[in-house]
Protein backbone atom coordinates (compact mmCIF):
# COMPACT_ATOMS: atom_id res chain seq x y z
CA MET A 1 10.33 -13.47 35.50
CA ASN A 2 12.46 -16.60 35.01
CA ARG A 3 12.91 -17.24 31.32
CA SER A 4 13.79 -20.59 29.86
CA SER A 5 16.31 -21.12 27.08
CA ASP A 6 14.75 -24.41 25.94
CA TYR A 7 11.25 -24.98 24.55
CA ASP A 8 9.23 -27.59 22.76
CA VAL A 9 8.17 -24.94 20.25
CA VAL A 10 9.48 -21.50 19.36
CA ILE A 11 7.01 -19.29 17.48
CA ILE A 12 8.35 -16.37 15.45
CA GLY A 13 5.94 -13.45 15.37
CA ALA A 14 3.09 -12.42 17.70
CA GLY A 15 0.47 -11.87 15.01
CA MET A 16 -2.92 -13.56 14.90
CA ALA A 17 -1.51 -16.83 13.54
CA GLY A 18 1.35 -17.01 16.03
CA LEU A 19 -0.89 -16.25 19.00
CA ALA A 20 -3.48 -18.83 17.96
CA ALA A 21 -0.81 -21.48 17.44
CA GLY A 22 0.67 -20.66 20.83
CA ILE A 23 -2.67 -21.01 22.61
CA ARG A 24 -3.39 -24.34 20.93
CA LEU A 25 0.03 -25.77 21.77
CA ALA A 26 0.00 -24.51 25.35
CA HIS A 27 -3.42 -26.07 25.91
CA PHE A 28 -1.78 -29.44 25.27
CA GLY A 29 1.13 -28.90 27.62
CA ARG A 30 3.79 -27.83 25.14
CA ARG A 31 6.44 -25.48 26.46
CA VAL A 32 6.06 -22.66 23.95
CA CYS A 33 7.44 -19.14 23.62
CA ILE A 34 6.50 -16.46 21.08
CA PHE A 35 9.29 -14.08 20.07
CA GLU A 36 8.25 -10.70 18.64
CA ARG A 37 10.69 -8.05 17.42
CA HIS A 38 8.34 -5.14 18.07
CA ASN A 39 6.69 -3.88 21.24
CA ALA A 40 3.10 -4.71 20.27
CA SER A 41 1.28 -7.87 19.28
CA GLY A 42 -0.95 -8.22 16.24
CA GLY A 43 1.46 -7.93 13.33
CA LEU A 44 -0.53 -6.87 10.28
CA ASN A 45 -3.65 -6.57 12.44
CA GLY A 46 -2.72 -4.37 15.35
CA PHE A 47 -3.26 -0.85 16.58
CA TYR A 48 -1.25 2.17 17.62
CA SER A 49 -1.82 5.34 19.65
CA LEU A 50 -1.30 8.84 18.29
CA ASP A 51 -2.23 12.02 20.16
CA GLY A 52 -4.44 10.07 22.53
CA ARG A 53 -6.37 8.21 19.81
CA LYS A 54 -6.11 4.51 19.03
CA TYR A 55 -5.95 3.61 15.34
CA ASP A 56 -6.59 0.11 14.01
CA VAL A 57 -4.09 -1.25 11.51
CA GLY A 58 -5.20 -3.88 9.03
CA LEU A 59 -8.59 -4.76 10.46
CA HIS A 60 -11.51 -3.29 8.54
CA ALA A 61 -13.74 -6.11 9.65
CA VAL A 62 -13.62 -9.66 10.91
CA THR A 63 -14.72 -11.81 7.99
CA ASN A 64 -16.36 -15.25 8.31
CA PHE A 65 -18.92 -13.85 10.74
CA VAL A 66 -21.94 -16.07 11.38
CA ARG A 67 -24.62 -15.95 14.05
CA PRO A 68 -24.52 -18.44 16.94
CA GLU A 69 -27.11 -20.79 15.46
CA VAL A 70 -25.01 -21.40 12.32
CA LYS A 71 -22.82 -24.47 12.79
CA GLY A 72 -19.85 -25.97 10.96
CA THR A 73 -18.15 -22.67 10.04
CA PRO A 74 -14.58 -21.36 10.39
CA LEU A 75 -15.59 -19.01 13.21
CA GLY A 76 -17.16 -21.84 15.19
CA LYS A 77 -14.13 -24.06 14.67
CA LEU A 78 -11.80 -21.29 15.79
CA LEU A 79 -13.73 -20.57 18.98
CA ARG A 80 -13.91 -24.26 19.84
CA GLN A 81 -10.21 -24.96 19.23
CA LEU A 82 -9.07 -21.95 21.24
CA ARG A 83 -11.71 -22.41 23.97
CA ILE A 84 -13.10 -18.91 23.47
CA ASP A 85 -16.71 -17.97 24.11
CA ARG A 86 -17.98 -15.98 21.12
CA SER A 87 -19.20 -13.23 23.47
CA GLU A 88 -15.57 -12.50 24.36
CA PHE A 89 -14.91 -11.16 20.85
CA ALA A 90 -17.97 -8.86 21.18
CA LEU A 91 -18.59 -8.93 17.43
CA CYS A 92 -21.11 -6.44 16.03
CA GLU A 93 -22.52 -7.07 12.54
CA GLN A 94 -22.11 -4.80 9.54
CA LEU A 95 -25.03 -2.77 8.27
CA ARG A 96 -24.52 -3.26 4.55
CA SER A 97 -21.63 -3.21 2.10
CA ALA A 98 -21.33 -2.50 -1.60
CA VAL A 99 -19.29 -2.97 -4.75
CA ARG A 100 -19.52 0.17 -6.90
CA PHE A 101 -18.10 0.43 -10.38
CA GLY A 102 -18.19 3.78 -12.17
CA GLY A 103 -17.81 4.84 -15.79
CA GLU A 104 -20.35 4.30 -18.51
CA ALA A 105 -21.00 0.77 -17.29
CA GLY A 106 -21.77 1.96 -13.78
CA ALA A 107 -23.20 -0.79 -11.57
CA GLU A 108 -23.67 -1.62 -7.90
CA LEU A 109 -23.82 -4.86 -5.98
CA LEU A 110 -25.06 -4.82 -2.38
CA PHE A 111 -24.28 -7.50 0.17
CA SER A 112 -24.61 -8.07 3.89
CA ASN A 113 -24.40 -10.94 6.35
CA ASP A 114 -27.49 -12.35 4.62
CA PRO A 115 -26.37 -13.96 1.31
CA ALA A 116 -29.84 -13.36 -0.12
CA LEU A 117 -29.08 -9.63 -0.53
CA LEU A 118 -26.20 -10.25 -2.93
CA GLU A 119 -28.24 -12.79 -4.90
CA SER A 120 -31.14 -10.35 -5.24
CA THR A 121 -28.89 -7.52 -6.47
CA VAL A 122 -27.18 -9.81 -8.99
CA ALA A 123 -30.64 -10.77 -10.25
CA ALA A 124 -31.63 -7.10 -10.53
CA GLN A 125 -28.40 -5.82 -12.10
CA PHE A 126 -27.48 -8.88 -14.18
CA PRO A 127 -30.72 -10.83 -14.82
CA ARG A 128 -29.13 -12.98 -17.54
CA GLU A 129 -26.40 -14.09 -15.13
CA ILE A 130 -28.45 -15.13 -12.11
CA ASP A 131 -28.54 -18.84 -12.98
CA GLY A 132 -24.79 -18.81 -13.53
CA PHE A 133 -24.27 -16.97 -10.27
CA ARG A 134 -26.29 -19.57 -8.38
CA GLY A 135 -24.24 -22.27 -10.07
CA LEU A 136 -21.03 -20.54 -8.96
CA VAL A 137 -22.28 -20.35 -5.38
CA GLY A 138 -23.02 -24.07 -5.49
CA ARG A 139 -19.53 -24.77 -6.82
CA VAL A 140 -18.01 -22.63 -4.05
CA ARG A 141 -20.00 -24.40 -1.34
CA GLN A 142 -18.89 -27.86 -2.44
CA HIS A 143 -15.19 -27.05 -2.84
CA ASP A 144 -12.77 -28.24 -0.15
CA ASP A 145 -10.89 -25.00 0.38
CA VAL A 146 -8.86 -26.18 3.38
CA ALA A 147 -7.22 -29.20 1.75
CA LEU A 148 -3.49 -28.95 2.34
CA ASP A 149 -2.48 -30.80 -0.83
CA SER A 150 -4.43 -28.86 -3.46
CA GLY A 151 -2.53 -27.38 -6.42
CA PHE A 152 -3.03 -24.05 -8.16
CA ARG A 153 -6.09 -23.61 -10.32
CA SER A 154 -7.03 -20.30 -11.89
CA ALA A 155 -10.05 -18.80 -10.15
CA ARG A 156 -10.81 -16.72 -13.24
CA SER A 157 -11.09 -19.85 -15.37
CA VAL A 158 -13.50 -21.51 -12.93
CA VAL A 159 -15.66 -18.42 -12.50
CA ARG A 160 -15.94 -18.04 -16.29
CA GLU A 161 -17.55 -21.47 -16.44
CA PHE A 162 -20.53 -19.82 -14.71
CA ILE A 163 -20.32 -16.05 -15.31
CA ARG A 164 -20.22 -14.67 -18.88
CA ASP A 165 -20.44 -10.93 -18.22
CA PRO A 166 -16.93 -9.48 -17.63
CA LEU A 167 -18.36 -6.65 -15.52
CA LEU A 168 -20.03 -9.02 -13.06
CA GLU A 169 -16.89 -11.16 -12.99
CA ASP A 170 -14.75 -8.17 -12.03
CA MET A 171 -17.27 -6.95 -9.46
CA LEU A 172 -17.16 -10.31 -7.71
CA PHE A 173 -13.36 -10.42 -7.83
CA CYS A 174 -12.81 -6.86 -6.57
CA PRO A 175 -13.70 -7.45 -2.87
CA VAL A 176 -12.18 -10.94 -2.83
CA MET A 177 -8.88 -9.67 -4.21
CA TYR A 178 -8.65 -6.55 -2.08
CA TYR A 179 -9.22 -8.63 1.04
CA GLY A 180 -6.98 -11.57 0.21
CA SER A 181 -5.14 -11.89 -3.09
CA ALA A 182 -1.35 -11.75 -3.34
CA THR A 183 -1.56 -12.46 -7.08
CA PRO A 184 -2.17 -9.84 -9.79
CA GLU A 185 -5.38 -10.20 -11.81
CA ASP A 186 -6.10 -13.79 -10.74
CA MET A 187 -5.84 -16.05 -7.73
CA ASP A 188 -5.88 -19.70 -6.80
CA PHE A 189 -9.42 -21.05 -6.80
CA SER A 190 -9.12 -22.42 -3.27
CA GLN A 191 -8.19 -18.97 -2.03
CA PHE A 192 -11.03 -17.44 -4.04
CA VAL A 193 -13.40 -19.88 -2.33
CA ILE A 194 -12.06 -18.99 1.13
CA MET A 195 -12.65 -15.29 0.52
CA PHE A 196 -15.97 -15.69 -1.35
CA LYS A 197 -17.36 -17.63 1.59
CA ALA A 198 -15.84 -15.24 4.11
CA LEU A 199 -17.27 -12.10 2.47
CA PHE A 200 -20.42 -13.07 0.62
CA LEU A 201 -21.76 -16.24 2.25
CA GLU A 202 -20.81 -15.41 5.84
CA GLY A 203 -20.03 -11.74 6.39
CA PHE A 204 -18.46 -8.87 8.30
CA ALA A 205 -18.42 -7.92 11.96
CA ARG A 206 -16.28 -5.84 14.28
CA PRO A 207 -15.80 -5.31 18.00
CA ARG A 208 -16.82 -1.79 18.93
CA ASP A 209 -13.31 -1.09 20.23
CA GLY A 210 -11.64 -2.65 17.22
CA VAL A 211 -8.85 -5.16 16.88
CA ARG A 212 -7.50 -4.61 20.38
CA VAL A 213 -10.51 -6.51 21.77
CA ILE A 214 -9.49 -9.62 19.83
CA LEU A 215 -5.84 -9.20 20.77
CA ARG A 216 -6.69 -8.86 24.47
CA VAL A 217 -8.66 -12.11 24.35
CA LEU A 218 -5.89 -14.00 22.57
CA LEU A 219 -3.16 -12.70 24.87
CA GLU A 220 -5.17 -13.58 27.98
CA LYS A 221 -5.95 -17.10 26.69
CA TYR A 222 -2.27 -17.59 25.91
CA ARG A 223 -1.24 -16.40 29.36
CA GLN A 224 -3.81 -18.59 31.08
CA ALA A 225 -2.59 -21.62 29.13
CA GLY A 226 0.95 -21.06 30.36
CA GLY A 227 2.59 -19.78 27.19
CA GLU A 228 5.53 -17.36 27.30
CA ARG A 229 5.93 -14.25 25.16
CA ARG A 230 9.02 -12.11 24.72
CA MET A 231 8.48 -8.71 23.13
CA LYS A 232 11.12 -6.44 21.52
CA CYS A 233 13.00 -9.67 21.13
CA GLY A 234 13.50 -10.55 17.47
CA VAL A 235 14.90 -13.72 15.95
CA ARG A 236 18.13 -13.12 14.03
CA ARG A 237 18.50 -16.62 12.62
CA ILE A 238 17.27 -20.19 12.85
CA ILE A 239 20.16 -22.40 13.93
CA VAL A 240 20.60 -25.53 11.80
CA ARG A 241 22.60 -28.66 12.62
CA ASP A 242 22.56 -31.90 10.64
CA GLY A 243 19.69 -30.72 8.48
CA ARG A 244 17.34 -29.79 11.32
CA ALA A 245 16.61 -26.65 13.29
CA VAL A 246 17.93 -26.92 16.82
CA GLY A 247 16.85 -23.47 17.95
CA VAL A 248 17.06 -19.78 17.21
CA GLU A 249 19.50 -16.97 17.84
CA LEU A 250 17.92 -13.73 19.05
CA ASP A 251 18.91 -10.21 18.04
CA SER A 252 20.70 -9.97 21.38
CA GLY A 253 22.87 -12.97 20.52
CA GLU A 254 21.13 -15.24 23.03
CA GLU A 255 20.51 -18.76 21.77
CA ILE A 256 17.26 -20.60 22.43
CA THR A 257 16.89 -24.33 21.80
CA ALA A 258 13.66 -25.87 20.55
CA ALA A 259 12.34 -29.11 19.08
CA HIS A 260 10.15 -27.24 16.57
CA VAL A 261 10.04 -23.75 15.07
CA LEU A 262 6.76 -22.30 13.81
CA SER A 263 7.14 -19.08 11.82
CA SER A 264 4.33 -16.64 11.08
CA ILE A 265 6.47 -14.00 9.36
CA GLY A 266 6.30 -15.28 5.77
CA SER A 267 8.01 -17.86 3.59
CA GLU A 268 10.79 -15.71 2.13
CA GLU A 269 11.30 -13.94 5.43
CA THR A 270 11.65 -17.32 7.18
CA SER A 271 14.04 -18.67 4.55
CA ARG A 272 16.33 -15.71 5.15
CA LEU A 273 16.65 -16.72 8.81
CA ILE A 274 17.81 -20.28 8.16
CA SER A 275 21.55 -20.44 8.75
CA PRO A 276 23.39 -22.27 7.47
CA ALA A 277 21.01 -22.89 4.59
CA PRO A 278 20.34 -26.59 3.91
CA LYS A 279 21.97 -28.16 0.88
CA LEU A 280 19.46 -28.91 -1.87
CA GLU A 281 19.68 -31.98 -4.09
CA SER A 282 18.83 -29.88 -7.12
CA ALA A 283 21.56 -27.71 -8.61
CA GLU A 284 18.98 -25.20 -9.86
CA PRO A 285 19.18 -21.72 -8.35
CA PRO A 286 16.33 -20.62 -6.07
CA ARG A 287 13.25 -19.47 -7.94
CA SER A 288 12.29 -15.82 -7.80
CA PRO A 289 8.62 -15.05 -7.22
CA ARG A 290 6.47 -15.31 -10.34
CA HIS A 291 4.83 -12.01 -9.51
CA PRO A 292 5.95 -8.82 -7.76
CA ARG A 293 4.68 -8.33 -4.24
CA LEU A 294 1.45 -6.38 -3.81
CA SER A 295 1.10 -3.69 -1.17
CA PHE A 296 -1.25 -0.89 -0.20
CA ALA A 297 -1.50 2.62 1.15
CA GLU A 298 -4.22 3.55 3.61
CA THR A 299 -5.49 6.87 4.88
CA ILE A 300 -7.36 7.40 8.15
CA THR A 301 -9.45 10.53 8.63
CA ILE A 302 -11.07 11.46 11.94
CA LEU A 303 -14.32 13.34 11.25
CA GLU A 304 -16.16 16.07 13.12
CA HIS A 305 -19.45 14.19 12.80
CA GLN A 306 -20.72 10.63 12.59
CA PRO A 307 -20.91 9.32 9.00
CA ALA A 308 -24.70 8.96 9.35
CA GLU A 309 -24.92 12.68 10.08
CA LEU A 310 -23.07 13.33 6.81
CA GLY A 311 -25.40 11.13 4.77
CA TRP A 312 -22.95 8.20 4.83
CA GLY A 313 -24.87 5.96 7.20
CA ASP A 314 -26.00 3.17 4.88
CA ASP A 315 -22.71 1.50 3.97
CA THR A 316 -20.11 -0.24 6.13
CA ILE A 317 -17.51 -1.09 3.47
CA ILE A 318 -17.45 -0.01 -0.18
CA PHE A 319 -15.22 -1.61 -2.80
CA PHE A 320 -14.92 0.88 -5.66
CA ASN A 321 -13.56 0.99 -9.18
CA ASP A 322 -13.88 3.93 -11.56
CA GLY A 323 -14.24 2.00 -14.82
CA PRO A 324 -15.94 -1.06 -16.29
CA ARG A 325 -12.82 -3.26 -15.84
CA PHE A 326 -10.89 -3.89 -12.65
CA ASP A 327 -7.07 -3.70 -12.77
CA TYR A 328 -5.57 -5.47 -9.76
CA ARG A 329 -1.80 -5.32 -10.05
CA ARG A 330 1.23 -3.50 -8.72
CA PRO A 331 0.76 0.04 -10.00
CA SER A 332 3.23 2.02 -12.09
CA VAL A 333 2.41 5.13 -10.04
CA PRO A 334 2.90 5.62 -6.27
CA VAL A 335 -0.79 4.92 -5.53
CA ASP A 336 -3.45 3.63 -7.93
CA VAL A 337 -6.49 5.67 -6.94
CA ARG A 338 -8.72 4.21 -9.65
CA SER A 339 -9.93 1.52 -7.27
CA GLY A 340 -9.88 0.81 -3.57
CA VAL A 341 -11.77 0.18 -0.37
CA ILE A 342 -13.72 2.65 1.77
CA CYS A 343 -14.35 1.56 5.36
CA LEU A 344 -16.66 3.42 7.73
CA PRO A 345 -16.07 1.75 11.12
CA ASN A 346 -19.01 3.67 12.63
CA ASN A 347 -21.43 1.75 10.41
CA PHE A 348 -21.62 -1.50 12.32
CA ASN A 349 -24.57 -2.37 14.51
CA TYR A 350 -23.26 -1.38 17.93
CA GLY A 351 -26.71 -1.49 19.49
CA GLY A 352 -26.93 2.28 19.98
CA ASP A 353 -23.46 2.56 21.55
CA ARG A 354 -21.82 4.53 18.77
CA LEU A 355 -18.12 5.32 18.35
CA PRO A 356 -16.99 8.61 19.91
CA GLU A 357 -15.78 10.08 16.59
CA GLY A 358 -16.45 9.59 12.92
CA VAL A 359 -13.81 7.62 11.01
CA LEU A 360 -13.14 7.28 7.28
CA ARG A 361 -10.54 4.81 6.03
CA VAL A 362 -9.48 4.53 2.38
CA THR A 363 -7.19 1.80 1.01
CA CYS A 364 -5.60 1.65 -2.48
CA LEU A 365 -2.90 -0.37 -4.21
CA ALA A 366 0.56 1.22 -3.92
CA ASP A 367 3.98 0.73 -5.47
CA PRO A 368 6.52 -0.35 -2.82
CA SER A 369 9.50 0.69 -4.94
CA PHE A 370 8.37 4.32 -4.77
CA TRP A 371 7.77 4.46 -1.01
CA ILE A 372 10.45 2.24 0.52
CA GLY A 373 13.71 4.02 1.29
CA ARG A 374 12.60 7.45 0.05
CA PRO A 375 14.28 10.39 1.86
CA ASP A 376 12.11 11.60 4.69
CA ALA A 377 11.32 15.07 3.31
CA GLU A 378 10.25 13.62 -0.04
CA TYR A 379 8.36 10.86 1.74
CA GLN A 380 6.31 13.29 3.82
CA THR A 381 5.58 15.51 0.82
CA SER A 382 4.46 12.48 -1.19
CA LYS A 383 2.22 11.30 1.65
CA ARG A 384 0.40 14.62 1.72
CA ALA A 385 -0.10 14.64 -2.03
CA TRP A 386 -1.34 11.07 -2.25
CA TYR A 387 -3.51 11.41 0.84
CA ALA A 388 -5.41 14.15 -0.99
CA ALA A 389 -5.62 12.10 -4.20
CA MET A 390 -7.00 9.06 -2.35
CA GLN A 391 -9.69 11.12 -0.63
CA THR A 392 -10.71 12.79 -3.88
CA SER A 393 -11.07 9.44 -5.60
CA ALA A 394 -12.97 7.75 -2.78
CA LEU A 395 -15.43 10.59 -2.26
CA ARG A 396 -16.79 10.00 -5.78
CA PHE A 397 -18.40 6.82 -4.44
CA LEU A 398 -20.07 8.41 -1.42
CA PRO A 399 -23.01 10.84 -1.27
CA PRO A 400 -21.78 14.43 -1.84
CA LEU A 401 -20.43 16.21 1.20
CA PRO A 402 -21.44 19.90 1.37
CA GLY A 403 -18.41 22.04 2.05
CA GLY A 404 -15.92 19.28 1.27
CA LEU A 405 -13.97 16.89 3.47
CA GLU A 406 -11.62 19.56 4.80
CA VAL A 407 -14.23 21.18 7.03
CA GLU A 408 -15.10 17.77 8.51
CA THR A 409 -11.51 16.70 9.21
CA ARG A 410 -10.19 16.66 12.79
CA GLU A 411 -7.07 14.55 12.28
CA THR A 412 -5.44 12.41 9.62
CA ASP A 413 -2.83 9.71 9.30
CA MET A 414 -1.55 7.54 6.46
CA PHE A 415 0.53 4.41 6.13
CA THR A 416 2.39 3.14 3.07
CA PRO A 417 4.32 0.02 2.00
CA TRP A 418 7.32 1.47 3.83
CA THR A 419 5.33 1.62 7.08
CA ILE A 420 4.28 -2.00 6.65
CA GLN A 421 7.79 -3.27 5.89
CA ARG A 422 9.28 -1.27 8.75
CA TYR A 423 6.89 -2.52 11.41
CA THR A 424 6.21 -6.07 10.24
CA GLY A 425 9.31 -7.08 8.31
CA HIS A 426 7.19 -8.21 5.34
CA VAL A 427 9.24 -7.87 2.16
CA GLU A 428 8.09 -4.81 0.17
CA GLY A 429 5.26 -4.28 2.62
CA ALA A 430 3.32 -7.19 1.17
CA ILE A 431 0.06 -7.41 3.09
CA TYR A 432 -0.87 -10.83 1.70
CA GLY A 433 2.64 -12.20 1.48
CA ALA A 434 4.14 -14.18 -1.37
CA PRO A 435 2.02 -15.11 -4.41
CA GLU A 436 2.96 -18.78 -4.04
CA LYS A 437 1.39 -20.23 -0.90
CA VAL A 438 2.69 -23.25 1.01
CA ARG A 439 -0.51 -25.05 1.91
CA ASP A 440 1.07 -27.72 4.08
CA GLY A 441 3.34 -25.21 5.83
CA ARG A 442 6.52 -27.17 5.12
CA THR A 443 9.92 -25.54 4.65
CA ALA A 444 13.36 -26.79 3.67
CA LEU A 445 13.77 -28.06 7.24
CA ALA A 446 11.69 -30.93 8.57
CA ASN A 447 10.93 -29.26 11.90
CA VAL A 448 10.37 -25.66 10.73
CA TYR A 449 6.83 -24.82 9.61
CA LEU A 450 4.97 -21.79 8.28
CA CYS A 451 1.67 -20.45 9.51
CA GLY A 452 -0.26 -17.34 8.62
CA THR A 453 -0.51 -15.51 5.31
CA ASP A 454 2.02 -17.56 3.34
CA GLN A 455 0.46 -20.83 4.45
CA GLY A 456 -2.67 -19.72 2.62
CA PHE A 457 -5.65 -19.36 4.97
CA LEU A 458 -6.86 -15.78 4.60
CA GLY A 459 -8.42 -13.05 6.72
CA ILE A 460 -8.25 -12.64 10.48
CA ILE A 461 -10.18 -15.83 11.16
CA GLY A 462 -8.13 -17.59 8.49
CA ALA A 463 -4.85 -16.43 10.04
CA MET A 464 -5.84 -17.84 13.42
CA LEU A 465 -7.04 -21.08 11.84
CA SER A 466 -3.73 -21.33 10.01
CA GLY A 467 -1.86 -21.21 13.31
CA ILE A 468 -4.19 -23.78 14.81
CA SER A 469 -4.03 -26.09 11.79
CA MET A 470 -0.25 -26.07 11.51
CA ALA A 471 0.11 -26.68 15.26
CA ASN A 472 -2.34 -29.57 15.05
CA TYR A 473 -0.95 -31.09 11.85
CA HIS A 474 2.79 -30.82 12.42
CA ILE A 475 3.19 -30.97 16.18
CA LEU A 476 0.18 -32.20 18.14
CA ALA A 477 -0.88 -34.95 15.71
CA ARG A 478 2.65 -36.33 15.76
CA ASN A 479 2.90 -36.05 19.53
CA GLY A 480 5.97 -33.94 18.87
């Protein structure tokens, strides 16, 4: 294939945001090329093959799911902007999900793609809080969560205007944080709104064959639109002349010229590529992040039977915490097994076409400093030990399994912050990027822009909308 060395737009990273941006730009005739260091697309939401099985990475569920008759939603906007028919994503709805807190103050909230279920369980579990909860939902619905010029406002402080019970507050924050917060204990209210809507007011769905269905659709749309993609072809640096990016240098040393650079790899990761760095008017040294990066460990267990056959057929995703208060921060131990997420991919409504094997996924907060760079023998020993600890913790929040998990286990795998950093380049394996988001996507260079996690739109749908929005705002709207 003939490859150009000059483009209107270079996109760094073939994740969801980069692919969506590429499709949008190519639709409008821009000469665009996506450069990806690894051999697979998807970034934080991809898949890999091991011993003949395909394992999803990142995707538990597509959030922001709504049915076709519901208009004016992020999913509808995404499909329209990328010219995708919703049937192409083949999304199957969740059955039901839960937030389960243990300890003496044990409580459970149930939710589904019908917001009425969550409201009814709040009313049953927290009758004194139901009016406040309804007020919070009203506040969430009226908030403009996609404004690019909004400043930080503590979500905790806003929620406490409506919710007085600390247990209910933490139970509402637990899913929202696990699925989108880069900030310990709190988050920006706009990001809280994005995730509250995505989880509680819209909902979860999944293609039967997982994230690869979505990736296939995006890659085909990009190809049809005329976009180029170069895999195993990383960007070593962004070349700067006279205060503007003029192109990129690849790992091979090849130089590519471009009028614009759109980076989906993160704000700090992008800054490290800019060479030479632009001179700043301020003499102050660069700020370090206010908070340490947050990362996770996840285990994947292939089961002998379907979860429904084991008595686990009611729940799709369970957010668990073993005490009355929820501690969301970088742990001081390798993995914090006190809280986490259980995902049972079998428990979506596949219309009778069930998955070939049972799958159990468990996700917990992890300490990157323990996992990254550890000698291989110690690393493998630690993985085995913490795999067992994560299963033991998670199983407390599922119906008892006669005989234990061992007799049901066919195969296992586990990834850690080191896996994430190694395969995505995200500093310290940070799933949700830097705590400080850049809503307008601007960088130190006028023609280099961010999209994806560090721009601030969250979830799989949010990542794609981030790519679309930044392409529209910075390039297409300016006729650049």
